[in-house]
Amino acid sequence: MATSVEGTILSLLLARLAALVLSPALPVAQPGIPFIAPIETSGPNSGKPKPYLRADFIPNRTENLGIADDAKARHQGILQVMVVHPSGIGAVKPTDIGGAVAAHFAKGTKLYGSGVKVKVYQKPSVGAPMIETDKIYVPVTILWHSFN
């Protein structure tokens, strides 16, 4: 359980991502937790990567909102969710998954917990697919802020 504002913000964002319903469900690689990328174990795609999401927490500089030592501060940053998908099927499916992630964190989404409120203040951006030999990466950038 998080005890700091910063830890609570990360916890709330990751809980929201974990609540995303996709069919089929995709595993999520979270910051600081060991993760082994899933691979197909049978059939014609045996040994090839399976789709998953990777979350990266990128807090930005905290902005003090007053001159008093106990004045509120604006915490802000990015939750970067990378859709990782096997290549060879085109970019539509992973981009579609990116769109589902963006819709799940729609502009105005508010998350509450432990006296902290986090708000997604801009429509998330689904970036251009980055294609490698065996994987396609589609970044989803989620901008958030919190006043505490």
Protein backbone atom coordinates (compact mmCIF):
# COMPACT_ATOMS: atom_id res chain seq x y z
CA MET A 1 0.00 0.00 0.00
CA ALA A 2 1.32 3.41 -1.00
CA THR A 3 1.89 5.99 1.72
CA SER A 4 3.12 8.94 -0.36
CA VAL A 5 1.25 11.09 -2.86
CA GLU A 6 3.61 9.88 -5.59
CA GLY A 7 3.15 6.21 -4.72
CA THR A 8 -0.62 6.64 -4.53
CA ILE A 9 -0.70 8.29 -7.97
CA LEU A 10 1.20 5.38 -9.50
CA SER A 11 -0.99 2.87 -7.69
CA LEU A 12 -4.20 4.53 -8.94
CA LEU A 13 -2.99 4.68 -12.55
CA LEU A 14 -1.88 1.03 -12.54
CA ALA A 15 -5.17 -0.07 -10.94
CA ARG A 16 -7.07 1.72 -13.72
CA LEU A 17 -4.94 -0.01 -16.35
CA ALA A 18 -5.53 -3.39 -14.67
CA ALA A 19 -9.30 -2.76 -14.91
CA LEU A 20 -9.11 -2.48 -18.72
CA VAL A 21 -11.20 -5.23 -20.32
CA LEU A 22 -9.79 -6.59 -23.58
CA SER A 23 -10.68 -9.75 -25.43
CA PRO A 24 -8.51 -11.66 -25.13
CA ALA A 25 -7.10 -10.24 -21.90
CA LEU A 26 -3.50 -9.09 -22.16
CA PRO A 27 -0.87 -9.31 -19.42
CA VAL A 28 0.62 -6.01 -18.22
CA ALA A 29 4.30 -5.45 -17.51
CA GLN A 30 4.44 -3.01 -14.59
CA PRO A 31 7.36 -0.81 -13.52
CA GLY A 32 9.77 -2.56 -11.17
CA ILE A 33 8.08 -5.96 -11.33
CA PRO A 34 9.90 -8.80 -13.11
CA PHE A 35 8.07 -9.75 -16.30
CA ILE A 36 8.74 -12.39 -18.91
CA ALA A 37 7.18 -11.55 -22.25
CA PRO A 38 4.69 -14.26 -23.22
CA ILE A 39 5.39 -16.47 -26.23
CA GLU A 40 3.29 -18.92 -28.20
CA THR A 41 4.01 -22.47 -27.05
CA SER A 42 2.19 -24.46 -29.71
CA GLY A 43 0.84 -24.32 -33.23
CA PRO A 44 2.26 -22.57 -36.28
CA ASN A 45 3.27 -19.50 -34.22
CA SER A 46 5.20 -21.51 -31.62
CA GLY A 47 8.10 -19.46 -30.27
CA LYS A 48 6.70 -16.16 -31.51
CA PRO A 49 5.78 -13.35 -29.10
CA LYS A 50 2.24 -12.96 -27.80
CA PRO A 51 0.64 -9.52 -27.28
CA TYR A 52 1.00 -7.68 -23.98
CA LEU A 53 0.99 -4.17 -22.53
CA ARG A 54 3.92 -2.44 -20.84
CA ALA A 55 3.31 0.46 -18.45
CA ASP A 56 5.92 3.12 -17.75
CA PHE A 57 5.41 5.81 -15.11
CA ILE A 58 7.08 9.09 -16.04
CA PRO A 59 6.45 11.76 -13.41
CA ASN A 60 7.39 15.31 -14.31
CA ARG A 61 8.58 18.18 -12.17
CA THR A 62 6.30 19.06 -9.25
CA GLU A 63 5.06 22.64 -9.39
CA ASN A 64 4.55 24.54 -6.15
CA LEU A 65 1.31 26.54 -6.26
CA GLY A 66 2.05 28.98 -3.45
CA ILE A 67 4.91 30.45 -1.47
CA ALA A 68 3.97 28.93 1.89
CA ASP A 69 5.89 25.80 2.87
CA ASP A 70 2.63 23.85 3.13
CA ALA A 71 1.02 25.22 -0.07
CA LYS A 72 -0.51 22.77 -2.50
CA ALA A 73 1.55 21.38 -5.33
CA ARG A 74 0.72 20.19 -8.81
CA HIS A 75 2.07 16.72 -9.51
CA GLN A 76 2.05 15.88 -13.20
CA GLY A 77 3.38 13.35 -15.61
CA ILE A 78 2.79 10.64 -18.16
CA LEU A 79 1.59 7.08 -17.98
CA GLN A 80 3.09 5.58 -21.13
CA VAL A 81 1.39 2.34 -22.13
CA MET A 82 3.12 0.41 -24.88
CA VAL A 83 1.07 -2.11 -26.84
CA VAL A 84 3.48 -4.89 -27.81
CA HIS A 85 2.16 -7.16 -30.56
CA PRO A 86 3.71 -9.78 -32.84
CA SER A 87 4.49 -8.54 -36.34
CA GLY A 88 3.22 -10.12 -39.52
CA ILE A 89 -0.46 -9.23 -39.16
CA GLY A 90 -0.25 -5.53 -39.90
CA ALA A 91 -0.58 -2.51 -37.63
CA VAL A 92 -4.39 -2.30 -37.38
CA LYS A 93 -4.87 -4.75 -34.49
CA PRO A 94 -2.19 -3.26 -32.18
CA THR A 95 -3.37 0.27 -33.04
CA ASP A 96 -6.93 -0.82 -32.20
CA ILE A 97 -5.72 -2.06 -28.82
CA GLY A 98 -4.00 1.30 -28.33
CA GLY A 99 -7.32 3.00 -29.07
CA ALA A 100 -9.01 0.87 -26.40
CA VAL A 101 -6.35 1.89 -23.86
CA ALA A 102 -6.81 5.56 -24.81
CA ALA A 103 -10.60 5.29 -24.47
CA HIS A 104 -10.19 3.67 -21.03
CA PHE A 105 -8.20 6.74 -19.91
CA ALA A 106 -10.47 9.29 -21.63
CA LYS A 107 -9.95 13.01 -21.01
CA GLY A 108 -11.62 13.87 -17.71
CA THR A 109 -11.06 10.43 -16.13
CA LYS A 110 -10.70 10.93 -12.36
CA LEU A 111 -9.10 8.44 -9.99
CA TYR A 112 -9.43 8.69 -6.21
CA GLY A 113 -7.63 7.01 -3.34
CA SER A 114 -5.99 7.78 0.01
CA GLY A 115 -6.98 11.44 -0.19
CA VAL A 116 -5.42 11.82 -3.65
CA LYS A 117 -7.27 12.72 -6.86
CA VAL A 118 -5.62 12.10 -10.23
CA LYS A 119 -7.14 13.50 -13.41
CA VAL A 120 -6.40 12.72 -17.04
CA TYR A 121 -6.43 16.27 -18.40
CA GLN A 122 -5.92 15.67 -22.11
CA LYS A 123 -7.18 13.08 -24.57
CA PRO A 124 -4.57 10.29 -24.66
CA SER A 125 -2.50 10.03 -27.83
CA VAL A 126 -2.06 6.79 -29.75
CA GLY A 127 1.29 7.02 -31.49
CA ALA A 128 2.55 5.68 -34.77
CA PRO A 129 3.31 1.95 -34.89
CA MET A 130 7.00 1.13 -34.57
CA ILE A 131 7.71 -2.05 -36.50
CA GLU A 132 10.59 -4.39 -35.76
CA THR A 133 11.34 -7.84 -37.15
CA ASP A 134 9.21 -9.78 -34.68
CA LYS A 135 7.14 -7.09 -32.87
CA ILE A 136 5.06 -4.00 -33.42
CA TYR A 137 5.02 -1.34 -30.69
CA VAL A 138 2.19 1.19 -30.41
CA PRO A 139 2.67 3.85 -27.70
CA VAL A 140 -0.25 5.38 -25.84
CA THR A 141 0.59 8.58 -23.96
CA ILE A 142 -1.67 9.46 -21.03
CA LEU A 143 -1.16 12.88 -19.44
CA TRP A 144 -2.25 13.22 -15.81
CA HIS A 145 -2.06 15.72 -12.98
CA SER A 146 -2.91 15.84 -9.29
CA PHE A 147 -3.18 18.80 -6.90
CA ASN A 148 -2.11 17.93 -3.33
